[in-house]
Amino acid sequence: MDYFVITSILVFLSAVFGYINLRFLKLPNTIGLTLITILFTLAVFALSYFDATLLEAERFIISQIDFKVVLLDIMLSFLLFAGALHTDLKKLSEQRWPVLVFATFGVLVSTFLVGTAIFYLLKVLGLEVAYIHCLLFGALISPTDPIAVLGILKKAGAPKKLEIKIVGESLFNDGVGVVIFLTIFGMANGTGSGFSLTGILELFGVEVFGGLLLGLLLGWLTYYFLKKIDDYNIEVIITLATVMTGTMIATHLHVSAPLAMVVAGLMLGGNKTRERAMSKLTEDYVDKFWELVDILLNTILFVLIGMEMLVLEFNTVYIYAGLLAIPITLLCRYLSLMVPVKLFQKRLDFVPNTTLIMTWGGLRGAISIALALGLTQSMGRDLFLVMTYIIVIFSILVQGLTVEKLITKLKLKPIENA
């Protein structure tokens, strides 16, 4: 079975599940697709007691897909560029300092809080896992997922000031989270230069700042070429080339492609850039093209998340560990946000209960699963994959479905345009 056939099957399932969700469930796509795919997979499991053909076919499809490579090396750049392109740069600029602190300091603090808490939790459960491997879990579960967050927050009616903080943080913190994960991974795998602050800062300097600089360069070059012509067909292709070529360059230079795509997308999405470089017709076509790319890849992605349960090792202790890790990760996120929120809340007029809503509205998603799949067996891959999957599914289905109720209960909807 070649990649075209596998892709065709995934697109077909995405279309069917998407139709069922919109026709009957009417849930946000992220939630609806994940839920339907899980129910479909469970139905396939049940059917396998009578005929295992469908189960074996589904397992074969999943076995042919390297989820980590597909997401981190291919899909993530497109998704982040599309998300950044439709983010209000002016509002994000006003909140740039808290977003920056949330995406760096917050992720680092959360990594160590989660890693330490999980280390002792696993000891209580009788599982001996090295501390550095628990830190790896902390690194992969700490970033919130912009792919999961964007659609749900818009439907929830979060205040604009709060929405831009959560979305801005999510756009940047996954790139930072990947860098932290890769740093600790290298140290745990014996390829790093030792577990030290110097090593982390050095990798940050290359990956993070290198990614930001590359994004600025890509954004400026794309703006320059768009400004010189007026043909919406070619201009759409230029934006596509920016993402594809930029990702290749970032990979070659060993800088963060996700951060580069976020910066490039934000630059091209800004009102001034649009006015100077695009006609209204071009702007409309660029937006619609990237909305379609975003919807298509998101749909496939969350179908894959639901199907990934086929690769899990259903160990009772692992499931207990995953369930107990849910409140731990939520508490650690809350604690990691407290200092930045206290630091900026008076100066930037934060809405009430910002920390609580950012904790509950900061959903985990596909990036965490992709990183967990990248662990080796000696790092506790099976254990951490089950734990990650449980947290991600809880995040999407439970937090995603209740964040609107939380916002309503806290009486924040009336100040939506604040």
Protein backbone atom coordinates (compact mmCIF):
# COMPACT_ATOMS: atom_id res chain seq x y z
CA MET A 1 0.00 0.00 0.00
CA ASP A 2 1.66 3.24 -1.13
CA TYR A 3 1.40 6.68 0.44
CA PHE A 4 -1.18 7.87 -2.09
CA VAL A 5 -3.56 5.08 -1.08
CA ILE A 6 -2.99 5.74 2.64
CA THR A 7 -3.51 9.48 2.15
CA SER A 8 -6.67 8.82 0.14
CA ILE A 9 -8.07 6.62 2.92
CA LEU A 10 -7.27 9.25 5.56
CA VAL A 11 -8.88 12.03 3.51
CA PHE A 12 -11.95 9.83 2.93
CA LEU A 13 -12.28 9.07 6.66
CA SER A 14 -11.75 12.75 7.46
CA ALA A 15 -14.51 13.74 5.05
CA VAL A 16 -16.94 11.15 6.41
CA PHE A 17 -16.21 11.91 10.07
CA GLY A 18 -16.30 15.65 9.40
CA TYR A 19 -19.70 15.29 7.75
CA ILE A 20 -21.05 13.21 10.66
CA ASN A 21 -19.80 15.80 13.14
CA LEU A 22 -21.29 18.79 11.32
CA ARG A 23 -24.54 16.99 10.46
CA PHE A 24 -25.27 15.36 13.81
CA LEU A 25 -22.90 16.23 16.69
CA LYS A 26 -22.21 19.86 15.77
CA LEU A 27 -19.08 19.96 17.96
CA PRO A 28 -15.94 21.99 17.20
CA ASN A 29 -13.99 20.06 14.54
CA THR A 30 -11.10 19.31 16.89
CA ILE A 31 -13.37 17.69 19.46
CA GLY A 32 -15.84 16.09 17.08
CA LEU A 33 -13.25 14.41 14.85
CA THR A 34 -11.25 13.08 17.79
CA LEU A 35 -14.39 11.70 19.46
CA ILE A 36 -15.80 10.09 16.30
CA THR A 37 -12.45 8.49 15.40
CA ILE A 38 -12.07 7.04 18.90
CA LEU A 39 -15.62 5.65 18.76
CA PHE A 40 -14.91 4.26 15.28
CA THR A 41 -11.71 2.58 16.50
CA LEU A 42 -13.51 1.11 19.53
CA ALA A 43 -16.21 -0.22 17.19
CA VAL A 44 -13.48 -1.79 15.04
CA PHE A 45 -12.05 -3.42 18.19
CA ALA A 46 -15.49 -4.83 19.05
CA LEU A 47 -16.02 -6.07 15.49
CA SER A 48 -12.61 -7.80 15.57
CA TYR A 49 -14.07 -10.45 17.92
CA PHE A 50 -16.08 -11.67 14.93
CA ASP A 51 -13.90 -10.53 12.02
CA ALA A 52 -10.48 -8.91 12.45
CA THR A 53 -10.11 -7.77 8.82
CA LEU A 54 -10.99 -4.12 9.47
CA LEU A 55 -8.84 -3.96 12.61
CA GLU A 56 -5.84 -5.37 10.77
CA ALA A 57 -6.36 -2.90 7.91
CA GLU A 58 -6.50 0.04 10.35
CA ARG A 59 -3.41 -1.19 12.19
CA PHE A 60 -1.57 -1.56 8.89
CA ILE A 61 -2.39 2.02 7.91
CA ILE A 62 -1.12 3.34 11.26
CA SER A 63 2.03 1.18 11.05
CA GLN A 64 2.88 2.78 7.69
CA ILE A 65 2.72 6.32 9.08
CA ASP A 66 5.52 7.84 11.12
CA PHE A 67 3.32 10.23 13.11
CA LYS A 68 6.33 12.10 14.51
CA VAL A 69 7.82 12.77 11.07
CA VAL A 70 4.46 13.55 9.45
CA LEU A 71 3.55 16.12 12.11
CA LEU A 72 6.86 17.68 13.14
CA ASP A 73 8.63 17.64 9.77
CA ILE A 74 5.71 18.21 7.40
CA MET A 75 2.33 19.27 8.78
CA LEU A 76 3.40 21.52 11.66
CA SER A 77 4.99 24.20 9.46
CA PHE A 78 1.83 24.50 7.33
CA LEU A 79 -0.48 24.56 10.35
CA LEU A 80 1.53 27.15 12.28
CA PHE A 81 1.93 29.40 9.24
CA ALA A 82 -1.82 29.24 8.60
CA GLY A 83 -2.60 29.94 12.26
CA ALA A 84 -0.16 32.86 12.44
CA LEU A 85 -1.42 34.30 9.15
CA HIS A 86 -4.87 34.75 10.67
CA THR A 87 -3.69 36.09 14.04
CA ASP A 88 -4.17 39.80 14.78
CA LEU A 89 -0.56 41.04 14.80
CA LYS A 90 -1.49 44.39 16.35
CA LYS A 91 -3.22 42.78 19.33
CA LEU A 92 -0.43 40.21 19.67
CA SER A 93 2.18 43.00 19.65
CA GLU A 94 0.39 44.66 22.57
CA GLN A 95 0.68 41.40 24.53
CA ARG A 96 4.16 40.46 23.27
CA TRP A 97 5.92 40.44 26.65
CA PRO A 98 3.50 38.20 28.54
CA VAL A 99 3.26 35.91 25.49
CA LEU A 100 7.07 35.69 25.34
CA VAL A 101 7.35 34.91 29.07
CA PHE A 102 4.51 32.36 28.92
CA ALA A 103 6.14 30.61 25.95
CA THR A 104 9.66 30.46 27.45
CA PHE A 105 9.76 30.80 31.23
CA GLY A 106 6.34 29.14 31.58
CA VAL A 107 7.30 26.08 29.50
CA LEU A 108 10.65 25.69 31.27
CA VAL A 109 9.10 25.92 34.74
CA SER A 110 6.28 23.56 33.78
CA THR A 111 8.81 21.05 32.37
CA PHE A 112 10.64 20.79 35.67
CA LEU A 113 7.50 20.87 37.83
CA VAL A 114 5.81 18.12 35.82
CA GLY A 115 8.99 16.06 35.51
CA THR A 116 9.66 16.17 39.25
CA ALA A 117 6.05 15.42 40.23
CA ILE A 118 5.79 12.51 37.75
CA PHE A 119 9.11 11.08 39.00
CA TYR A 120 7.69 10.71 42.52
CA LEU A 121 4.26 9.60 41.27
CA LEU A 122 5.81 6.73 39.31
CA LYS A 123 7.84 5.72 42.37
CA VAL A 124 4.61 5.47 44.38
CA LEU A 125 3.13 3.30 41.62
CA GLY A 126 6.20 1.02 41.74
CA LEU A 127 7.64 2.18 38.41
CA GLU A 128 11.35 3.01 38.40
CA VAL A 129 11.99 5.65 35.76
CA ALA A 130 15.07 7.87 35.60
CA TYR A 131 14.53 11.51 36.55
CA ILE A 132 15.82 12.81 33.22
CA HIS A 133 13.28 10.65 31.41
CA CYS A 134 10.53 12.16 33.56
CA LEU A 135 11.84 15.58 32.52
CA LEU A 136 11.42 14.46 28.91
CA PHE A 137 7.78 13.78 29.68
CA GLY A 138 7.54 17.20 31.32
CA ALA A 139 8.97 18.81 28.18
CA LEU A 140 6.63 17.04 25.75
CA ILE A 141 3.45 17.62 27.78
CA SER A 142 4.04 21.26 28.79
CA PRO A 143 3.49 23.07 25.46
CA THR A 144 -0.10 23.86 24.60
CA ASP A 145 -1.18 23.04 21.07
CA PRO A 146 -2.25 25.95 18.82
CA ILE A 147 -3.90 23.48 16.46
CA ALA A 148 -6.26 22.32 19.23
CA VAL A 149 -6.68 25.74 20.85
CA LEU A 150 -7.58 28.07 17.95
CA GLY A 151 -11.00 26.80 16.88
CA ILE A 152 -12.25 25.96 20.36
CA LEU A 153 -11.43 29.38 21.83
CA LYS A 154 -13.21 31.21 19.03
CA LYS A 155 -16.36 29.15 19.61
CA ALA A 156 -16.08 29.59 23.39
CA GLY A 157 -16.29 33.38 23.06
CA ALA A 158 -13.21 34.10 25.18
CA PRO A 159 -12.45 37.80 25.73
CA LYS A 160 -10.17 39.05 22.93
CA LYS A 161 -7.42 40.11 25.33
CA LEU A 162 -7.36 36.62 26.80
CA GLU A 163 -7.76 34.82 23.48
CA ILE A 164 -4.73 36.55 21.99
CA LYS A 165 -2.62 35.57 25.02
CA ILE A 166 -3.57 31.89 24.80
CA VAL A 167 -3.27 31.72 21.01
CA GLY A 168 -0.02 33.71 20.96
CA GLU A 169 1.46 31.54 23.69
CA SER A 170 0.39 28.38 21.86
CA LEU A 171 1.89 29.54 18.55
CA PHE A 172 5.29 30.08 20.13
CA ASN A 173 5.51 27.62 23.01
CA ASP A 174 5.32 24.48 20.90
CA GLY A 175 8.50 25.55 19.07
CA VAL A 176 10.18 26.33 22.40
CA GLY A 177 8.85 23.07 23.85
CA VAL A 178 10.31 21.07 20.96
CA VAL A 179 13.69 22.74 21.53
CA ILE A 180 13.61 21.92 25.27
CA PHE A 181 12.54 18.35 24.50
CA LEU A 182 15.36 17.86 21.97
CA THR A 183 17.90 19.31 24.40
CA ILE A 184 16.93 16.94 27.22
CA PHE A 185 16.57 14.08 24.71
CA GLY A 186 20.15 14.62 23.56
CA MET A 187 21.40 14.60 27.15
CA ALA A 188 19.37 11.51 28.05
CA ASN A 189 20.57 9.76 24.90
CA GLY A 190 24.20 10.54 25.56
CA THR A 191 24.50 12.92 22.60
CA GLY A 192 24.27 16.12 24.62
CA SER A 193 27.12 17.97 26.31
CA GLY A 194 25.83 17.30 29.79
CA PHE A 195 22.77 18.43 31.65
CA SER A 196 23.61 22.07 32.21
CA LEU A 197 22.10 25.51 31.90
CA THR A 198 24.88 26.38 29.44
CA GLY A 199 23.83 23.54 27.15
CA ILE A 200 20.20 24.62 27.19
CA LEU A 201 21.07 28.28 26.53
CA GLU A 202 23.39 27.31 23.68
CA LEU A 203 20.69 25.27 21.95
CA PHE A 204 18.20 28.08 22.57
CA GLY A 205 20.58 30.51 20.90
CA VAL A 206 20.86 28.38 17.78
CA GLU A 207 17.40 26.84 17.47
CA VAL A 208 15.12 29.51 18.91
CA PHE A 209 16.81 32.74 17.86
CA GLY A 210 17.96 31.15 14.60
CA GLY A 211 14.35 30.20 13.88
CA LEU A 212 13.11 33.69 14.71
CA LEU A 213 15.71 35.32 12.45
CA LEU A 214 14.98 32.93 9.60
CA GLY A 215 11.27 33.69 9.98
CA LEU A 216 11.95 37.42 9.76
CA LEU A 217 14.03 36.91 6.61
CA LEU A 218 11.42 34.65 4.99
CA GLY A 219 8.62 37.07 5.89
CA TRP A 220 10.49 40.05 4.44
CA LEU A 221 11.45 38.22 1.21
CA THR A 222 7.89 37.03 0.70
CA TYR A 223 6.57 40.54 1.33
CA TYR A 224 9.08 41.94 -1.18
CA PHE A 225 8.06 39.53 -3.96
CA LEU A 226 4.33 39.93 -3.28
CA LYS A 227 4.67 43.71 -3.45
CA LYS A 228 6.29 43.60 -6.90
CA ILE A 229 3.48 41.74 -8.67
CA ASP A 230 -0.31 41.64 -8.75
CA ASP A 231 -1.50 38.16 -9.67
CA TYR A 232 -3.32 36.22 -6.98
CA ASN A 233 -2.42 32.81 -8.49
CA ILE A 234 1.33 33.40 -8.35
CA GLU A 235 1.12 35.19 -4.99
CA VAL A 236 -0.63 32.21 -3.39
CA ILE A 237 2.09 29.96 -4.81
CA ILE A 238 4.77 32.28 -3.37
CA THR A 239 3.30 31.91 0.14
CA LEU A 240 3.23 28.13 -0.33
CA ALA A 241 6.87 28.19 -1.48
CA THR A 242 7.77 30.22 1.62
CA VAL A 243 6.51 27.47 3.91
CA MET A 244 7.93 24.52 1.99
CA THR A 245 11.33 26.06 1.17
CA GLY A 246 11.59 27.72 4.58
CA THR A 247 11.04 24.40 6.33
CA MET A 248 13.79 22.77 4.24
CA ILE A 249 16.21 25.62 5.00
CA ALA A 250 15.41 25.50 8.73
CA THR A 251 16.01 21.75 8.82
CA HIS A 252 19.33 22.16 6.99
CA LEU A 253 20.49 24.96 9.31
CA HIS A 254 19.26 23.12 12.45
CA VAL A 255 17.06 26.01 13.54
CA SER A 256 13.44 25.83 14.63
CA ALA A 257 11.16 25.54 11.58
CA PRO A 258 7.98 25.98 13.69
CA LEU A 259 9.18 29.32 15.08
CA ALA A 260 10.33 30.45 11.63
CA MET A 261 6.88 29.71 10.18
CA VAL A 262 5.09 31.50 13.03
CA VAL A 263 7.16 34.66 12.54
CA ALA A 264 6.79 34.58 8.74
CA GLY A 265 3.04 34.04 9.05
CA LEU A 266 2.64 36.87 11.55
CA MET A 267 4.60 39.25 9.31
CA LEU A 268 2.49 38.46 6.25
CA GLY A 269 -0.74 38.54 8.22
CA GLY A 270 -0.20 42.04 9.56
CA ASN A 271 -2.58 44.73 8.30
CA LYS A 272 0.21 46.98 6.99
CA THR A 273 1.82 44.13 5.05
CA ARG A 274 -1.51 43.17 3.53
CA GLU A 275 -2.29 46.76 2.49
CA ARG A 276 1.11 47.32 0.87
CA ALA A 277 1.74 43.92 -0.73
CA MET A 278 -1.67 42.46 -1.61
CA SER A 279 -4.71 43.61 -3.51
CA LYS A 280 -8.09 42.83 -1.93
CA LEU A 281 -8.52 39.97 -4.42
CA THR A 282 -5.10 38.50 -3.59
CA GLU A 283 -5.74 38.88 0.14
CA ASP A 284 -9.03 37.02 -0.22
CA TYR A 285 -7.46 34.16 -2.17
CA VAL A 286 -4.45 33.85 0.15
CA ASP A 287 -6.72 33.71 3.20
CA LYS A 288 -9.08 31.18 1.63
CA PHE A 289 -6.21 28.98 0.41
CA TRP A 290 -4.58 28.81 3.83
CA GLU A 291 -7.92 28.33 5.58
CA LEU A 292 -8.49 25.30 3.35
CA VAL A 293 -4.99 23.94 4.02
CA ASP A 294 -5.55 24.49 7.74
CA ILE A 295 -8.91 22.72 7.77
CA LEU A 296 -7.72 19.78 5.64
CA LEU A 297 -4.56 19.11 7.65
CA ASN A 298 -6.37 19.62 10.97
CA THR A 299 -9.05 17.14 9.93
CA ILE A 300 -6.50 14.50 8.95
CA LEU A 301 -4.43 15.19 12.06
CA PHE A 302 -7.23 14.66 14.57
CA VAL A 303 -8.38 11.52 12.76
CA LEU A 304 -4.81 10.24 13.19
CA ILE A 305 -4.87 11.15 16.89
CA GLY A 306 -7.97 9.03 17.37
CA MET A 307 -6.43 6.11 15.47
CA GLU A 308 -3.14 6.29 17.39
CA MET A 309 -4.77 4.37 20.27
CA LEU A 310 -4.03 1.26 18.20
CA VAL A 311 -0.31 1.58 18.99
CA LEU A 312 -0.79 1.87 22.76
CA GLU A 313 0.14 -0.86 25.23
CA PHE A 314 -2.87 -1.14 27.52
CA ASN A 315 -1.16 -1.74 30.86
CA THR A 316 -3.34 -1.10 33.92
CA VAL A 317 -0.58 0.67 35.85
CA TYR A 318 0.18 2.89 32.85
CA ILE A 319 -3.50 3.88 32.66
CA TYR A 320 -3.55 4.72 36.39
CA ALA A 321 -0.39 6.80 35.91
CA GLY A 322 -2.01 8.68 33.01
CA LEU A 323 -5.20 9.41 34.95
CA LEU A 324 -3.25 10.64 37.99
CA ALA A 325 -1.03 12.75 35.74
CA ILE A 326 -4.03 14.80 34.52
CA PRO A 327 -4.47 16.88 37.72
CA ILE A 328 -0.68 17.04 38.13
CA THR A 329 -0.13 18.60 34.70
CA LEU A 330 -3.01 21.03 35.20
CA LEU A 331 -1.66 22.12 38.61
CA CYS A 332 1.87 22.51 37.23
CA ARG A 333 0.58 24.64 34.35
CA TYR A 334 -1.34 26.81 36.81
CA LEU A 335 1.77 27.30 38.96
CA SER A 336 3.98 28.04 35.94
CA LEU A 337 1.59 30.82 34.84
CA MET A 338 1.19 32.48 38.23
CA VAL A 339 4.41 34.51 38.21
CA PRO A 340 4.07 35.88 34.64
CA VAL A 341 0.41 36.76 35.22
CA LYS A 342 1.20 38.57 38.49
CA LEU A 343 4.06 40.38 36.75
CA PHE A 344 1.98 41.79 33.89
CA GLN A 345 -1.65 41.86 35.06
CA LYS A 346 -1.79 45.46 36.30
CA ARG A 347 0.25 46.97 33.49
CA LEU A 348 -1.69 45.23 30.70
CA ASP A 349 -5.10 45.06 32.37
CA PHE A 350 -5.57 41.29 32.41
CA VAL A 351 -9.13 39.96 32.62
CA PRO A 352 -10.13 38.35 35.94
CA ASN A 353 -9.13 34.70 36.49
CA THR A 354 -6.61 34.80 33.63
CA THR A 355 -4.47 32.06 35.22
CA LEU A 356 -7.44 29.73 35.68
CA ILE A 357 -8.75 30.16 32.13
CA MET A 358 -5.30 29.86 30.57
CA THR A 359 -4.77 26.66 32.55
CA TRP A 360 -8.06 25.07 31.49
CA GLY A 361 -8.00 26.56 27.97
CA GLY A 362 -4.38 25.55 27.29
CA LEU A 363 -5.12 22.29 25.50
CA ARG A 364 -2.58 19.59 24.76
CA GLY A 365 -2.63 18.01 21.32
CA ALA A 366 -0.82 16.27 18.51
CA ILE A 367 2.62 17.75 19.22
CA SER A 368 2.78 16.00 22.60
CA ILE A 369 1.84 12.65 21.04
CA ALA A 370 4.39 13.10 18.24
CA LEU A 371 7.18 13.80 20.73
CA ALA A 372 6.15 10.85 22.90
CA LEU A 373 6.35 8.60 19.84
CA GLY A 374 9.93 9.81 19.38
CA LEU A 375 11.08 8.38 22.72
CA THR A 376 13.15 5.20 22.80
CA GLN A 377 12.12 2.09 24.73
CA SER A 378 14.87 2.75 27.29
CA MET A 379 13.24 6.13 28.02
CA GLY A 380 9.92 4.54 28.99
CA ARG A 381 8.27 5.09 25.60
CA ASP A 382 5.27 2.81 26.17
CA LEU A 383 4.54 4.25 29.61
CA PHE A 384 4.85 7.89 28.58
CA LEU A 385 2.94 7.34 25.33
CA VAL A 386 -0.07 5.97 27.23
CA MET A 387 0.15 8.81 29.78
CA THR A 388 0.44 11.42 27.02
CA TYR A 389 -2.49 9.98 25.08
CA ILE A 390 -4.75 9.98 28.15
CA ILE A 391 -3.85 13.61 28.96
CA VAL A 392 -4.33 14.74 25.35
CA ILE A 393 -7.72 13.03 24.99
CA PHE A 394 -8.87 14.46 28.34
CA SER A 395 -7.61 17.87 27.25
CA ILE A 396 -9.45 17.84 23.91
CA LEU A 397 -12.70 16.17 24.98
CA VAL A 398 -13.18 17.36 28.58
CA GLN A 399 -11.36 20.71 28.72
CA GLY A 400 -12.35 21.55 25.14
CA LEU A 401 -16.03 20.87 25.81
CA THR A 402 -16.13 22.77 29.10
CA VAL A 403 -13.96 25.84 28.51
CA GLU A 404 -16.97 27.73 27.13
CA LYS A 405 -18.96 26.86 30.27
CA LEU A 406 -16.06 28.05 32.44
CA ILE A 407 -15.90 31.39 30.61
CA THR A 408 -19.67 31.79 30.94
CA LYS A 409 -19.61 30.86 34.65
CA LEU A 410 -16.89 33.44 35.29
CA LYS A 411 -19.08 35.99 33.49
CA LEU A 412 -16.42 36.96 30.96
CA LYS A 413 -18.51 36.77 27.80
CA PRO A 414 -20.05 40.24 28.23
CA ILE A 415 -16.58 41.80 27.89
CA GLU A 416 -15.74 39.88 24.73
CA ASN A 417 -14.66 42.99 22.87
CA ALA A 418 -12.54 44.33 25.70
